[in-house]
Amino acid sequence: MYEVELKVQADHGAVRDRLDTLGATRVGRVRQVDTYYDAPHRDFAETDEALRVREETRVEGDGGTDRPGETETRLTYKGPLVERESKTREEAETSVGDPDATRAALDGLGFTPAATVEKARERYRVDDYTVTLDAVEGLGSFVEVETEVSSEAEVETAREGATALLERLELDPTAGIRTSYLGLLLESGGGADT
């Protein structure tokens, strides 16, 4: 699976208005705490990979089966960027039934917590894309447009669709940020301690 993502820094109020105009479906709000790990056998900063444990707490659901206050934990591996134009990466993710056991297993294998990124996320659906309004502690406000595709051959078409959606939201795709929130936080001097 490939996650095709474009990210820009932007004011959320104006974007919410444009999403409303586009008839976007509001999915809900969550709070995420992402703990990133360093590997004992290679330097993820050099290989452009990431391993994280994400704890996501629902703040507000879509009125369906989501219940506010529920927390879900997921383990995610993100491979290196696969193109220059977006933040597209191969990604493998799975639910975690026991977060403490998962952290203990990572610790036992020599993985060490490197940094924590905390954010509030508000999600919308527009066509086949998720538009996420992120408020990242220590960094500010961002908008992500993303979708998933099953093969690298589909990446360019998905990226072009994400670019068009950013333009419909009156955001500048050329102002795209390819650096992860973790990278931005580390560049700013924050997030080094977990």
N, C-alpha and C. Protein backbone atom coordinates (compact mmCIF):
# COMPACT_ATOMS: atom_id res chain seq x y z
N MET A 1 0.85 -1.18 0.00
CA MET A 1 0.00 0.00 0.00
C MET A 1 0.89 1.24 0.00
N TYR A 2 0.50 2.25 -0.78
CA TYR A 2 1.22 3.51 -0.85
C TYR A 2 0.31 4.62 -0.37
N GLU A 3 0.84 5.44 0.53
CA GLU A 3 0.12 6.62 1.01
C GLU A 3 0.63 7.81 0.20
N VAL A 4 -0.27 8.43 -0.57
CA VAL A 4 0.07 9.60 -1.38
C VAL A 4 -0.44 10.82 -0.63
N GLU A 5 0.46 11.71 -0.26
CA GLU A 5 0.10 12.82 0.62
C GLU A 5 0.77 14.11 0.19
N LEU A 6 -0.01 15.19 0.21
CA LEU A 6 0.51 16.54 0.03
C LEU A 6 0.16 17.32 1.30
N LYS A 7 1.12 18.13 1.75
CA LYS A 7 0.92 18.87 3.00
C LYS A 7 1.38 20.31 2.82
N VAL A 8 0.58 21.25 3.32
CA VAL A 8 0.93 22.67 3.31
C VAL A 8 0.59 23.27 4.67
N GLN A 9 1.26 24.35 4.99
CA GLN A 9 0.90 25.10 6.19
C GLN A 9 -0.23 26.04 5.80
N ALA A 10 -1.30 26.10 6.61
CA ALA A 10 -2.45 26.91 6.22
C ALA A 10 -3.35 27.22 7.41
N ASP A 11 -4.13 28.29 7.25
CA ASP A 11 -5.13 28.70 8.23
C ASP A 11 -6.34 27.76 8.12
N HIS A 12 -6.75 27.16 9.21
CA HIS A 12 -7.85 26.20 9.18
C HIS A 12 -9.21 26.83 8.94
N GLY A 13 -9.43 28.01 9.43
CA GLY A 13 -10.75 28.65 9.27
C GLY A 13 -11.13 28.81 7.82
N ALA A 14 -10.21 29.34 7.02
CA ALA A 14 -10.48 29.54 5.59
C ALA A 14 -10.68 28.20 4.88
N VAL A 15 -9.90 27.19 5.26
CA VAL A 15 -10.02 25.88 4.62
C VAL A 15 -11.36 25.23 4.97
N ARG A 16 -11.81 25.36 6.22
CA ARG A 16 -13.13 24.81 6.61
C ARG A 16 -14.23 25.42 5.74
N ASP A 17 -14.15 26.73 5.51
CA ASP A 17 -15.16 27.40 4.66
C ASP A 17 -15.14 26.81 3.25
N ARG A 18 -13.96 26.59 2.70
CA ARG A 18 -13.86 26.03 1.34
C ARG A 18 -14.33 24.59 1.31
N LEU A 19 -14.03 23.83 2.34
CA LEU A 19 -14.51 22.44 2.41
C LEU A 19 -16.03 22.40 2.42
N ASP A 20 -16.63 23.33 3.16
CA ASP A 20 -18.09 23.42 3.19
C ASP A 20 -18.64 23.72 1.79
N THR A 21 -18.00 24.64 1.09
CA THR A 21 -18.42 24.99 -0.27
C THR A 21 -18.31 23.79 -1.22
N LEU A 22 -17.29 22.95 -1.01
CA LEU A 22 -17.09 21.76 -1.86
C LEU A 22 -18.02 20.61 -1.49
N GLY A 23 -18.77 20.76 -0.39
CA GLY A 23 -19.65 19.68 0.06
C GLY A 23 -18.92 18.52 0.70
N ALA A 24 -17.78 18.82 1.33
CA ALA A 24 -17.00 17.78 1.99
C ALA A 24 -17.79 17.15 3.13
N THR A 25 -17.52 15.90 3.39
CA THR A 25 -18.13 15.18 4.51
C THR A 25 -17.18 15.25 5.70
N ARG A 26 -17.67 15.79 6.81
CA ARG A 26 -16.84 15.86 8.02
C ARG A 26 -16.82 14.49 8.68
N VAL A 27 -15.62 13.97 8.92
CA VAL A 27 -15.46 12.63 9.48
C VAL A 27 -15.37 12.68 11.01
N GLY A 28 -14.69 13.67 11.55
CA GLY A 28 -14.58 13.79 13.00
C GLY A 28 -13.23 14.35 13.42
N ARG A 29 -13.04 14.41 14.74
CA ARG A 29 -11.79 14.93 15.32
C ARG A 29 -11.16 13.87 16.21
N VAL A 30 -9.82 13.86 16.19
CA VAL A 30 -9.07 12.94 17.03
C VAL A 30 -7.87 13.66 17.62
N ARG A 31 -7.33 13.06 18.65
CA ARG A 31 -6.07 13.51 19.26
C ARG A 31 -5.09 12.37 19.07
N GLN A 32 -3.92 12.66 18.51
CA GLN A 32 -2.92 11.63 18.27
C GLN A 32 -1.63 11.92 19.02
N VAL A 33 -1.08 10.86 19.60
CA VAL A 33 0.24 10.91 20.21
C VAL A 33 1.06 9.85 19.50
N ASP A 34 2.05 10.29 18.73
CA ASP A 34 2.89 9.40 17.94
C ASP A 34 4.27 9.31 18.59
N THR A 35 4.65 8.10 18.96
CA THR A 35 5.99 7.87 19.48
C THR A 35 6.80 7.18 18.39
N TYR A 36 7.87 7.84 17.97
CA TYR A 36 8.75 7.31 16.93
C TYR A 36 9.93 6.60 17.57
N TYR A 37 10.39 5.55 16.90
CA TYR A 37 11.46 4.71 17.44
C TYR A 37 12.69 4.72 16.54
N ASP A 38 13.86 4.64 17.18
CA ASP A 38 15.12 4.41 16.48
C ASP A 38 15.37 2.92 16.47
N ALA A 39 15.97 2.43 15.39
CA ALA A 39 16.27 1.01 15.25
C ALA A 39 17.71 0.72 15.70
N PRO A 40 17.95 -0.46 16.25
CA PRO A 40 19.31 -0.80 16.66
C PRO A 40 20.21 -1.20 15.48
N HIS A 41 19.62 -1.53 14.34
CA HIS A 41 20.39 -2.09 13.23
C HIS A 41 20.59 -1.14 12.05
N ARG A 42 19.91 0.03 12.05
CA ARG A 42 20.15 1.03 11.01
C ARG A 42 19.60 2.37 11.47
N ASP A 43 20.06 3.43 10.81
CA ASP A 43 19.69 4.79 11.16
C ASP A 43 18.52 5.22 10.28
N PHE A 44 17.32 5.29 10.86
CA PHE A 44 16.13 5.66 10.09
C PHE A 44 16.25 7.05 9.48
N ALA A 45 16.97 7.95 10.13
CA ALA A 45 17.15 9.29 9.56
C ALA A 45 17.93 9.20 8.24
N GLU A 46 18.89 8.30 8.16
CA GLU A 46 19.66 8.12 6.93
C GLU A 46 18.88 7.36 5.86
N THR A 47 18.08 6.38 6.27
CA THR A 47 17.35 5.56 5.30
C THR A 47 15.99 6.15 4.95
N ASP A 48 15.60 7.24 5.63
CA ASP A 48 14.33 7.92 5.39
C ASP A 48 13.14 7.00 5.68
N GLU A 49 13.25 6.21 6.75
CA GLU A 49 12.17 5.33 7.18
C GLU A 49 11.66 5.80 8.53
N ALA A 50 10.55 5.24 8.95
CA ALA A 50 10.01 5.57 10.27
C ALA A 50 9.25 4.37 10.83
N LEU A 51 9.34 4.22 12.14
CA LEU A 51 8.57 3.23 12.87
C LEU A 51 7.93 3.97 14.03
N ARG A 52 6.60 3.85 14.14
CA ARG A 52 5.92 4.60 15.19
C ARG A 52 4.82 3.77 15.82
N VAL A 53 4.51 4.14 17.06
CA VAL A 53 3.32 3.66 17.76
C VAL A 53 2.43 4.87 17.92
N ARG A 54 1.21 4.79 17.37
CA ARG A 54 0.26 5.90 17.42
C ARG A 54 -0.90 5.55 18.33
N GLU A 55 -1.13 6.42 19.31
CA GLU A 55 -2.32 6.31 20.15
C GLU A 55 -3.28 7.41 19.71
N GLU A 56 -4.44 7.00 19.20
CA GLU A 56 -5.42 7.94 18.67
C GLU A 56 -6.69 7.88 19.51
N THR A 57 -7.05 9.02 20.08
CA THR A 57 -8.25 9.11 20.90
C THR A 57 -9.29 9.93 20.15
N ARG A 58 -10.47 9.37 20.01
CA ARG A 58 -11.55 10.07 19.32
C ARG A 58 -12.08 11.18 20.21
N VAL A 59 -12.09 12.38 19.67
CA VAL A 59 -12.64 13.53 20.39
C VAL A 59 -14.09 13.70 20.00
N GLU A 60 -14.34 13.52 18.70
CA GLU A 60 -15.70 13.68 18.17
C GLU A 60 -15.80 12.80 16.94
N GLY A 61 -16.80 11.93 16.90
CA GLY A 61 -16.97 11.04 15.76
C GLY A 61 -17.92 11.62 14.74
N ASP A 62 -18.24 10.80 13.76
CA ASP A 62 -19.12 11.22 12.69
C ASP A 62 -20.59 10.92 12.98
N GLY A 63 -20.87 10.50 14.21
CA GLY A 63 -22.24 10.17 14.56
C GLY A 63 -22.56 8.71 14.29
N GLY A 64 -21.61 7.99 13.72
CA GLY A 64 -21.79 6.57 13.41
C GLY A 64 -21.35 5.71 14.58
N THR A 65 -20.41 4.82 14.29
CA THR A 65 -19.97 3.88 15.32
C THR A 65 -18.87 4.42 16.22
N ASP A 66 -18.25 5.54 15.83
CA ASP A 66 -17.20 6.12 16.67
C ASP A 66 -17.77 6.61 17.98
N ARG A 67 -17.06 6.33 19.05
CA ARG A 67 -17.47 6.81 20.36
C ARG A 67 -16.37 7.70 20.92
N PRO A 68 -16.69 8.97 21.22
CA PRO A 68 -15.69 9.86 21.80
C PRO A 68 -15.06 9.23 23.04
N GLY A 69 -13.76 9.45 23.18
CA GLY A 69 -13.02 8.93 24.33
C GLY A 69 -12.36 7.59 24.05
N GLU A 70 -12.78 6.87 23.01
CA GLU A 70 -12.13 5.60 22.68
C GLU A 70 -10.73 5.86 22.15
N THR A 71 -9.81 4.99 22.55
CA THR A 71 -8.43 5.10 22.06
C THR A 71 -8.08 3.84 21.29
N GLU A 72 -7.46 4.04 20.14
CA GLU A 72 -6.96 2.93 19.33
C GLU A 72 -5.46 3.12 19.16
N THR A 73 -4.72 2.02 19.22
CA THR A 73 -3.27 2.08 19.04
C THR A 73 -2.90 1.30 17.79
N ARG A 74 -1.99 1.89 17.00
CA ARG A 74 -1.55 1.27 15.75
C ARG A 74 -0.02 1.33 15.67
N LEU A 75 0.56 0.28 15.09
CA LEU A 75 1.99 0.23 14.82
C LEU A 75 2.16 0.45 13.32
N THR A 76 3.03 1.38 12.94
CA THR A 76 3.20 1.75 11.53
C THR A 76 4.66 1.78 11.14
N TYR A 77 4.94 1.17 10.00
CA TYR A 77 6.25 1.30 9.35
C TYR A 77 6.04 2.13 8.09
N LYS A 78 6.89 3.16 7.91
CA LYS A 78 6.84 3.98 6.70
C LYS A 78 8.19 3.87 6.00
N GLY A 79 8.13 3.47 4.72
CA GLY A 79 9.34 3.35 3.93
C GLY A 79 9.81 4.71 3.43
N PRO A 80 10.93 4.72 2.72
CA PRO A 80 11.46 5.98 2.18
C PRO A 80 10.51 6.62 1.17
N LEU A 81 10.64 7.92 0.98
CA LEU A 81 9.85 8.62 -0.03
C LEU A 81 10.12 7.99 -1.39
N VAL A 82 9.06 7.86 -2.20
CA VAL A 82 9.22 7.21 -3.50
C VAL A 82 9.23 8.19 -4.67
N GLU A 83 8.94 9.47 -4.42
CA GLU A 83 9.02 10.48 -5.48
C GLU A 83 9.31 11.84 -4.88
N ARG A 84 9.75 12.76 -5.73
CA ARG A 84 10.14 14.10 -5.28
C ARG A 84 8.96 15.05 -5.09
N GLU A 85 7.84 14.79 -5.75
CA GLU A 85 6.74 15.74 -5.80
C GLU A 85 5.78 15.67 -4.61
N SER A 86 5.83 14.61 -3.84
CA SER A 86 4.89 14.45 -2.72
C SER A 86 5.55 13.70 -1.58
N LYS A 87 4.76 13.42 -0.56
CA LYS A 87 5.25 12.64 0.58
C LYS A 87 4.81 11.18 0.45
N THR A 88 4.87 10.63 -0.75
CA THR A 88 4.41 9.28 -0.99
C THR A 88 5.42 8.27 -0.45
N ARG A 89 4.88 7.32 0.33
CA ARG A 89 5.70 6.27 0.93
C ARG A 89 4.95 4.96 0.90
N GLU A 90 5.72 3.88 0.87
CA GLU A 90 5.10 2.59 1.12
C GLU A 90 4.85 2.52 2.62
N GLU A 91 3.70 1.98 3.00
CA GLU A 91 3.32 1.99 4.41
C GLU A 91 2.70 0.65 4.79
N ALA A 92 3.07 0.17 5.96
CA ALA A 92 2.45 -1.03 6.54
C ALA A 92 1.99 -0.65 7.94
N GLU A 93 0.71 -0.93 8.23
CA GLU A 93 0.14 -0.52 9.51
C GLU A 93 -0.78 -1.61 10.03
N THR A 94 -0.79 -1.77 11.35
CA THR A 94 -1.66 -2.77 11.95
C THR A 94 -2.15 -2.28 13.31
N SER A 95 -3.33 -2.75 13.69
CA SER A 95 -3.86 -2.43 15.02
C SER A 95 -3.06 -3.17 16.09
N VAL A 96 -3.00 -2.55 17.25
CA VAL A 96 -2.28 -3.12 18.39
C VAL A 96 -3.30 -3.39 19.49
N GLY A 97 -3.39 -4.64 19.92
CA GLY A 97 -4.33 -4.99 20.98
C GLY A 97 -3.83 -4.61 22.36
N ASP A 98 -2.53 -4.65 22.57
CA ASP A 98 -1.93 -4.37 23.88
C ASP A 98 -0.75 -3.42 23.68
N PRO A 99 -0.98 -2.11 23.81
CA PRO A 99 0.09 -1.14 23.58
C PRO A 99 1.31 -1.34 24.47
N ASP A 100 1.09 -1.69 25.74
CA ASP A 100 2.23 -1.90 26.65
C ASP A 100 3.08 -3.08 26.20
N ALA A 101 2.46 -4.16 25.76
CA ALA A 101 3.20 -5.32 25.27
C ALA A 101 3.96 -4.97 23.99
N THR A 102 3.36 -4.16 23.13
CA THR A 102 4.04 -3.75 21.89
C THR A 102 5.27 -2.94 22.21
N ARG A 103 5.14 -1.99 23.13
CA ARG A 103 6.30 -1.18 23.52
C ARG A 103 7.38 -2.05 24.17
N ALA A 104 6.95 -3.03 24.98
CA ALA A 104 7.91 -3.93 25.61
C ALA A 104 8.64 -4.78 24.58
N ALA A 105 7.92 -5.23 23.55
CA ALA A 105 8.55 -6.03 22.48
C ALA A 105 9.57 -5.18 21.72
N LEU A 106 9.20 -3.95 21.39
CA LEU A 106 10.13 -3.06 20.70
C LEU A 106 11.37 -2.82 21.56
N ASP A 107 11.16 -2.57 22.84
CA ASP A 107 12.27 -2.35 23.78
C ASP A 107 13.15 -3.60 23.84
N GLY A 108 12.54 -4.77 23.93
CA GLY A 108 13.30 -6.01 24.00
C GLY A 108 14.14 -6.26 22.75
N LEU A 109 13.68 -5.76 21.61
CA LEU A 109 14.41 -5.93 20.35
C LEU A 109 15.46 -4.83 20.13
N GLY A 110 15.54 -3.89 21.08
CA GLY A 110 16.55 -2.84 20.99
C GLY A 110 16.09 -1.55 20.33
N PHE A 111 14.79 -1.45 20.01
CA PHE A 111 14.26 -0.19 19.48
C PHE A 111 14.08 0.77 20.65
N THR A 112 14.45 2.03 20.44
CA THR A 112 14.35 3.01 21.52
C THR A 112 13.49 4.19 21.08
N PRO A 113 12.65 4.72 22.00
CA PRO A 113 11.85 5.90 21.66
C PRO A 113 12.77 7.07 21.29
N ALA A 114 12.47 7.72 20.17
CA ALA A 114 13.31 8.83 19.70
C ALA A 114 12.65 10.18 19.92
N ALA A 115 11.35 10.26 19.68
CA ALA A 115 10.63 11.53 19.79
C ALA A 115 9.14 11.27 19.79
N THR A 116 8.40 12.26 20.30
CA THR A 116 6.95 12.18 20.32
C THR A 116 6.37 13.40 19.62
N VAL A 117 5.38 13.14 18.76
CA VAL A 117 4.67 14.22 18.06
C VAL A 117 3.21 14.15 18.49
N GLU A 118 2.67 15.27 18.98
CA GLU A 118 1.28 15.32 19.42
C GLU A 118 0.52 16.30 18.54
N LYS A 119 -0.70 15.87 18.14
CA LYS A 119 -1.50 16.74 17.27
C LYS A 119 -2.98 16.48 17.45
N ALA A 120 -3.74 17.53 17.15
CA ALA A 120 -5.20 17.43 17.05
C ALA A 120 -5.51 17.41 15.56
N ARG A 121 -6.38 16.47 15.14
CA ARG A 121 -6.70 16.30 13.72
C ARG A 121 -8.20 16.38 13.51
N GLU A 122 -8.57 17.10 12.48
CA GLU A 122 -9.96 17.20 12.07
C GLU A 122 -10.02 16.69 10.63
N ARG A 123 -10.83 15.65 10.38
CA ARG A 123 -10.81 15.00 9.08
C ARG A 123 -12.09 15.23 8.27
N TYR A 124 -11.90 15.34 6.96
CA TYR A 124 -13.00 15.49 6.00
C TYR A 124 -12.75 14.54 4.83
N ARG A 125 -13.82 14.16 4.15
CA ARG A 125 -13.71 13.37 2.92
C ARG A 125 -14.20 14.21 1.75
N VAL A 126 -13.40 14.22 0.68
CA VAL A 126 -13.77 14.85 -0.58
C VAL A 126 -13.40 13.85 -1.67
N ASP A 127 -14.41 13.31 -2.34
CA ASP A 127 -14.18 12.30 -3.36
C ASP A 127 -13.39 11.14 -2.75
N ASP A 128 -12.27 10.77 -3.36
CA ASP A 128 -11.47 9.65 -2.86
C ASP A 128 -10.34 10.10 -1.94
N TYR A 129 -10.41 11.33 -1.44
CA TYR A 129 -9.32 11.91 -0.66
C TYR A 129 -9.78 12.24 0.76
N THR A 130 -8.84 12.14 1.68
CA THR A 130 -9.05 12.62 3.04
C THR A 130 -8.31 13.95 3.18
N VAL A 131 -9.01 14.96 3.66
CA VAL A 131 -8.41 16.25 3.95
C VAL A 131 -8.34 16.36 5.47
N THR A 132 -7.13 16.56 5.98
CA THR A 132 -6.92 16.60 7.41
C THR A 132 -6.39 17.97 7.82
N LEU A 133 -7.06 18.58 8.79
CA LEU A 133 -6.60 19.84 9.37
C LEU A 133 -5.86 19.49 10.64
N ASP A 134 -4.56 19.70 10.65
CA ASP A 134 -3.71 19.32 11.78
C ASP A 134 -3.25 20.54 12.56
N ALA A 135 -3.38 20.47 13.88
CA ALA A 135 -2.78 21.44 14.79
C ALA A 135 -1.70 20.67 15.55
N VAL A 136 -0.44 20.89 15.18
CA VAL A 136 0.68 20.12 15.71
C VAL A 136 1.37 20.92 16.80
N GLU A 137 1.46 20.32 17.99
CA GLU A 137 2.10 21.01 19.11
C GLU A 137 3.53 21.37 18.76
N GLY A 138 3.86 22.65 18.94
CA GLY A 138 5.20 23.14 18.68
C GLY A 138 5.47 23.52 17.23
N LEU A 139 4.50 23.28 16.33
CA LEU A 139 4.73 23.57 14.91
C LEU A 139 3.69 24.48 14.28
N GLY A 140 2.40 24.32 14.63
CA GLY A 140 1.37 25.15 14.04
C GLY A 140 0.32 24.37 13.28
N SER A 141 -0.32 25.05 12.31
CA SER A 141 -1.47 24.51 11.58
C SER A 141 -1.09 24.09 10.17
N PHE A 142 -1.55 22.88 9.80
CA PHE A 142 -1.24 22.32 8.50
C PHE A 142 -2.49 21.69 7.91
N VAL A 143 -2.47 21.52 6.58
CA VAL A 143 -3.53 20.81 5.87
C VAL A 143 -2.86 19.71 5.06
N GLU A 144 -3.37 18.49 5.21
CA GLU A 144 -2.90 17.36 4.43
C GLU A 144 -4.03 16.86 3.54
N VAL A 145 -3.69 16.54 2.31
CA VAL A 145 -4.61 15.88 1.38
C VAL A 145 -3.96 14.55 1.03
N GLU A 146 -4.67 13.46 1.29
CA GLU A 146 -4.05 12.16 1.05
C GLU A 146 -5.05 11.12 0.57
N THR A 147 -4.49 10.09 -0.03
CA THR A 147 -5.25 8.92 -0.44
C THR A 147 -4.28 7.74 -0.45
N GLU A 148 -4.82 6.55 -0.57
CA GLU A 148 -3.99 5.34 -0.64
C GLU A 148 -4.20 4.67 -1.97
N VAL A 149 -3.11 4.13 -2.52
CA VAL A 149 -3.17 3.36 -3.76
C VAL A 149 -2.41 2.06 -3.53
N SER A 150 -2.72 1.06 -4.33
CA SER A 150 -2.13 -0.26 -4.11
C SER A 150 -0.83 -0.49 -4.86
N SER A 151 -0.52 0.36 -5.86
CA SER A 151 0.72 0.13 -6.60
C SER A 151 1.42 1.45 -6.90
N GLU A 152 2.72 1.38 -7.12
CA GLU A 152 3.50 2.57 -7.43
C GLU A 152 3.06 3.18 -8.76
N ALA A 153 2.51 2.37 -9.65
CA ALA A 153 2.03 2.86 -10.95
C ALA A 153 0.87 3.84 -10.80
N GLU A 154 0.14 3.78 -9.68
CA GLU A 154 -1.01 4.65 -9.45
C GLU A 154 -0.66 5.96 -8.75
N VAL A 155 0.60 6.10 -8.32
CA VAL A 155 1.00 7.24 -7.50
C VAL A 155 0.83 8.57 -8.23
N GLU A 156 1.29 8.66 -9.47
CA GLU A 156 1.24 9.93 -10.19
C GLU A 156 -0.19 10.44 -10.35
N THR A 157 -1.11 9.56 -10.73
CA THR A 157 -2.51 9.97 -10.89
C THR A 157 -3.09 10.43 -9.56
N ALA A 158 -2.78 9.71 -8.48
CA ALA A 158 -3.27 10.08 -7.15
C ALA A 158 -2.70 11.43 -6.72
N ARG A 159 -1.41 11.66 -6.99
CA ARG A 159 -0.79 12.93 -6.64
C ARG A 159 -1.42 14.07 -7.43
N GLU A 160 -1.68 13.86 -8.71
CA GLU A 160 -2.32 14.90 -9.52
C GLU A 160 -3.71 15.24 -8.98
N GLY A 161 -4.44 14.23 -8.52
CA GLY A 161 -5.75 14.48 -7.91
C GLY A 161 -5.63 15.27 -6.61
N ALA A 162 -4.61 14.94 -5.80
CA ALA A 162 -4.39 15.68 -4.55
C ALA A 162 -4.00 17.12 -4.83
N THR A 163 -3.20 17.33 -5.86
CA THR A 163 -2.80 18.68 -6.26
C THR A 163 -4.03 19.49 -6.67
N ALA A 164 -4.89 18.88 -7.48
CA ALA A 164 -6.10 19.56 -7.94
C ALA A 164 -7.01 19.91 -6.75
N LEU A 165 -7.10 19.01 -5.77
CA LEU A 165 -7.93 19.29 -4.60
C LEU A 165 -7.34 20.43 -3.77
N LEU A 166 -6.03 20.47 -3.60
CA LEU A 166 -5.42 21.61 -2.90
C LEU A 166 -5.78 22.91 -3.61
N GLU A 167 -5.72 22.90 -4.93
CA GLU A 167 -6.06 24.11 -5.68
C GLU A 167 -7.52 24.48 -5.49
N ARG A 168 -8.42 23.49 -5.45
CA ARG A 168 -9.84 23.76 -5.21
C ARG A 168 -10.05 24.35 -3.81
N LEU A 169 -9.16 24.01 -2.89
CA LEU A 169 -9.21 24.56 -1.53
C LEU A 169 -8.51 25.92 -1.45
N GLU A 170 -8.06 26.41 -2.62
CA GLU A 170 -7.34 27.68 -2.73
C GLU A 170 -6.05 27.69 -1.93
N LEU A 171 -5.38 26.54 -1.94
CA LEU A 171 -4.07 26.40 -1.31
C LEU A 171 -3.04 26.19 -2.42
N ASP A 172 -1.81 26.56 -2.17
CA ASP A 172 -0.76 26.51 -3.17
C ASP A 172 0.02 25.19 -3.09
N PRO A 173 -0.17 24.28 -4.03
CA PRO A 173 0.56 23.01 -4.00
C PRO A 173 2.07 23.18 -4.09
N THR A 174 2.54 24.29 -4.70
CA THR A 174 3.99 24.49 -4.80
C THR A 174 4.61 24.84 -3.44
N ALA A 175 3.77 25.15 -2.45
CA ALA A 175 4.25 25.42 -1.09
C ALA A 175 4.27 24.14 -0.25
N GLY A 176 4.17 23.00 -0.93
CA GLY A 176 4.11 21.71 -0.25
C GLY A 176 5.33 21.44 0.61
N ILE A 177 5.08 20.76 1.70
CA ILE A 177 6.12 20.39 2.67
C ILE A 177 6.29 18.88 2.61
N ARG A 178 7.47 18.41 2.26
CA ARG A 178 7.72 16.97 2.16
C ARG A 178 8.28 16.39 3.46
N THR A 179 8.68 17.25 4.37
CA THR A 179 9.25 16.79 5.63
C THR A 179 8.12 16.37 6.56
N SER A 180 8.32 15.26 7.26
CA SER A 180 7.32 14.77 8.21
C SER A 180 7.23 15.72 9.40
N TYR A 181 6.15 15.58 10.17
CA TYR A 181 6.04 16.38 11.40
C TYR A 181 7.20 16.07 12.33
N LEU A 182 7.59 14.82 12.40
CA LEU A 182 8.75 14.45 13.23
C LEU A 182 9.97 15.23 12.77
N GLY A 183 10.24 15.22 11.46
CA GLY A 183 11.40 15.94 10.93
C GLY A 183 11.32 17.43 11.21
N LEU A 184 10.15 18.02 11.01
CA LEU A 184 9.97 19.44 11.29
C LEU A 184 10.20 19.76 12.76
N LEU A 185 9.69 18.90 13.63
CA LEU A 185 9.86 19.12 15.06
C LEU A 185 11.32 19.00 15.46
N LEU A 186 12.01 18.01 14.94
CA LEU A 186 13.44 17.84 15.25
C LEU A 186 14.25 19.01 14.70
N GLU A 187 13.90 19.49 13.49
CA GLU A 187 14.58 20.66 12.91
C GLU A 187 14.41 21.90 13.78
N SER A 188 13.22 22.01 14.40
CA SER A 188 12.93 23.19 15.22
C SER A 188 13.56 23.08 16.62
N GLY A 189 14.15 21.93 16.93
CA GLY A 189 14.77 21.73 18.24
C GLY A 189 13.84 21.15 19.26
N GLY A 190 12.59 20.83 18.89
CA GLY A 190 11.65 20.23 19.82
C GLY A 190 11.51 18.75 19.58
N GLY A 191 10.80 18.07 20.45
CA GLY A 191 10.47 16.67 20.26
C GLY A 191 11.58 15.69 20.47
N ALA A 192 12.76 16.11 20.90
CA ALA A 192 13.86 15.18 21.04
C ALA A 192 13.69 14.24 22.21
N ASP A 193 12.91 14.63 23.19
CA ASP A 193 12.71 13.76 24.35
C ASP A 193 11.33 13.12 24.29
N THR A 194 11.22 11.90 24.76
CA THR A 194 9.92 11.23 24.83
C THR A 194 9.49 11.07 26.25
